[in-house]
């Protein structure tokens, strides 16, 4: 009897390369397992095959920023793949909206810092009126030891 992978419908890093594009076919859905939330969505690859992709939450944040928070709005949009390596040398897929270009984790953090800076400016002006005093220096994420 020949061995056949039981997860042949799941998208893996061996099936794609950096620059590949896929179309989202169905709304993404979440699965709770071992206290973690995993997102899945059906995609059509360039060769026409359909696979189940599991984007990381940070990738889903990019989709939500581009197309809205409801995954029904993601259907029909094109996503692009970048193969990256984690610190242990294991490849993983970074998925992002094709029309936005590659966004790294640092870009997302920077986007969040822009929002925090705007909020900080508002809070700082409120503190001058006798409210809570907030620090004014900017914190670099690389300075955090963990």
Protein backbone atom coordinates (compact mmCIF):
# COMPACT_ATOMS: atom_id res chain seq x y z
CA UNK A 1 0.00 0.00 0.00
CA UNK A 2 1.33 3.41 -0.96
CA UNK A 3 1.53 6.11 1.70
CA UNK A 4 -0.42 9.26 0.84
CA UNK A 5 -0.34 12.37 2.96
CA UNK A 6 -3.61 12.80 4.81
CA UNK A 7 -3.36 16.59 4.73
CA UNK A 8 -3.05 16.86 0.93
CA UNK A 9 -5.63 19.64 0.96
CA UNK A 10 -3.56 21.82 3.29
CA UNK A 11 -1.25 24.42 1.82
CA UNK A 12 2.38 23.93 2.85
CA UNK A 13 5.62 25.77 2.21
CA UNK A 14 6.73 23.06 -0.23
CA UNK A 15 3.79 23.89 -2.53
CA UNK A 16 4.54 27.59 -3.01
CA UNK A 17 7.43 29.97 -3.52
CA UNK A 18 7.97 33.66 -2.86
CA UNK A 19 5.95 35.73 -5.31
CA UNK A 20 3.19 33.16 -5.86
CA UNK A 21 -0.31 34.62 -5.82
CA UNK A 22 -3.54 33.00 -4.70
CA UNK A 23 -7.19 34.01 -4.74
CA UNK A 24 -9.28 33.79 -1.57
CA UNK A 25 -12.32 31.62 -2.43
CA UNK A 26 -14.28 31.49 0.83
CA UNK A 27 -14.51 33.56 4.02
CA UNK A 28 -11.85 32.72 6.59
CA UNK A 29 -12.95 30.84 9.69
CA UNK A 30 -11.32 30.24 13.05
CA UNK A 31 -10.73 27.04 14.98
CA UNK A 32 -9.98 26.89 18.71
CA UNK A 33 -7.46 24.21 19.66
CA UNK A 34 -5.41 23.85 22.86
CA UNK A 35 -6.25 27.39 23.90
CA UNK A 36 -5.06 28.84 20.59
CA UNK A 37 -7.04 30.32 17.70
CA UNK A 38 -6.11 29.20 14.19
CA UNK A 39 -7.45 30.87 11.04
CA UNK A 40 -8.14 28.94 7.83
CA UNK A 41 -9.38 29.93 4.39
CA UNK A 42 -9.84 28.21 1.08
CA UNK A 43 -7.60 29.57 -1.68
CA UNK A 44 -7.09 28.90 -5.37
CA UNK A 45 -3.46 28.51 -6.37
CA UNK A 46 -1.99 29.69 -9.68
CA UNK A 47 -2.36 26.21 -11.19
CA UNK A 48 -6.09 26.18 -10.38
CA UNK A 49 -5.94 23.76 -7.44
CA UNK A 50 -7.79 24.57 -4.24
CA UNK A 51 -6.05 24.37 -0.87
CA UNK A 52 -6.77 25.27 2.72
CA UNK A 53 -4.38 28.01 3.84
CA UNK A 54 -3.71 28.83 7.49
CA UNK A 55 -2.50 32.43 7.68
CA UNK A 56 -0.98 33.72 10.91
CA UNK A 57 -3.02 36.25 12.86
CA UNK A 58 -0.59 39.01 11.89
CA UNK A 59 -1.29 38.20 8.22
CA UNK A 60 -5.04 38.31 8.92
CA UNK A 61 -4.50 41.75 10.47
CA UNK A 62 -3.09 42.91 7.12
CA UNK A 63 -6.13 41.49 5.31
CA UNK A 64 -8.47 43.24 7.76
CA UNK A 65 -6.61 46.51 7.30
CA UNK A 66 -6.85 46.21 3.51
CA UNK A 67 -10.39 44.84 3.11
CA UNK A 68 -12.17 45.19 6.45
CA UNK A 69 -12.59 43.01 9.49
CA UNK A 70 -15.34 40.78 8.12
CA UNK A 71 -13.75 37.83 6.32
CA UNK A 72 -16.64 37.71 3.83
CA UNK A 73 -15.13 40.88 2.31
CA UNK A 74 -11.82 39.07 1.70
CA UNK A 75 -13.34 36.66 -0.85
CA UNK A 76 -12.10 37.27 -4.39
CA UNK A 77 -9.03 39.23 -3.32
CA UNK A 78 -5.50 38.22 -4.32
CA UNK A 79 -2.89 37.38 -1.70
CA UNK A 80 0.82 36.95 -2.26
CA UNK A 81 3.30 34.57 -0.63
CA UNK A 82 6.71 35.22 0.80
CA UNK A 83 8.65 32.26 2.18
CA UNK A 84 10.56 33.25 5.31
CA UNK A 85 12.72 31.38 7.80
CA UNK A 86 12.15 31.40 11.54
CA UNK A 87 15.06 31.53 13.99
CA UNK A 88 15.29 27.73 14.01
CA UNK A 89 15.69 27.70 10.22
CA UNK A 90 12.22 26.33 9.48
CA UNK A 91 10.44 27.92 6.50
CA UNK A 92 7.02 29.50 6.95
CA UNK A 93 4.59 31.37 4.72
CA UNK A 94 4.02 35.10 5.13
CA UNK A 95 0.78 35.95 3.31
CA UNK A 96 -0.18 39.53 2.50
CA UNK A 97 -2.57 41.44 0.22
CA UNK A 98 -0.98 41.46 -3.25
CA UNK A 99 -1.77 45.12 -3.84
CA UNK A 100 0.04 46.29 -0.68
CA UNK A 101 3.49 44.80 -1.12
CA UNK A 102 5.33 42.90 1.60
CA UNK A 103 4.66 44.01 5.17
CA UNK A 104 6.89 42.68 7.87
CA UNK A 105 6.14 42.27 11.56
CA UNK A 106 8.13 45.47 12.17
CA UNK A 107 5.94 47.35 9.66
CA UNK A 108 2.86 46.23 11.56
CA UNK A 109 4.45 47.32 14.84
CA UNK A 110 5.35 50.65 13.26
CA UNK A 111 1.75 51.12 12.08
CA UNK A 112 0.58 50.39 15.62
CA UNK A 113 3.15 52.87 17.01
CA UNK A 114 1.79 55.56 14.68
CA UNK A 115 -1.64 55.06 16.22
CA UNK A 116 -0.14 55.02 19.74
CA UNK A 117 1.79 58.21 19.00
CA UNK A 118 -1.41 59.95 17.89
CA UNK A 119 -3.17 58.73 21.04
CA UNK A 120 -0.15 59.78 23.11
CA UNK A 121 -0.32 63.32 21.73
CA UNK A 122 -3.97 63.52 22.72
CA UNK A 123 -3.22 62.09 26.17
CA UNK A 124 -0.29 64.49 26.65
CA UNK A 125 -2.51 67.46 25.92
CA UNK A 126 -5.04 66.13 28.42
CA UNK A 127 -2.34 65.72 31.07
CA UNK A 128 -1.50 69.44 30.89
CA UNK A 129 -5.02 70.14 32.10
CA UNK A 130 -4.44 68.26 35.36
CA UNK A 131 -5.12 64.65 34.23
CA UNK A 132 -2.70 61.72 34.26
CA UNK A 133 0.87 62.52 33.19
CA UNK A 134 2.17 60.29 30.40
CA UNK A 135 5.82 59.75 29.40
CA UNK A 136 6.95 61.67 26.33
CA UNK A 137 9.97 59.62 25.17
CA UNK A 138 9.58 57.09 22.37
CA UNK A 139 10.32 53.45 23.23
CA UNK A 140 12.21 51.33 20.71
CA UNK A 141 10.92 47.73 20.48
CA UNK A 142 14.56 46.52 20.24
CA UNK A 143 15.22 47.86 23.77
CA UNK A 144 12.77 45.37 25.30
CA UNK A 145 14.82 42.38 26.53
CA UNK A 146 12.29 39.62 25.78
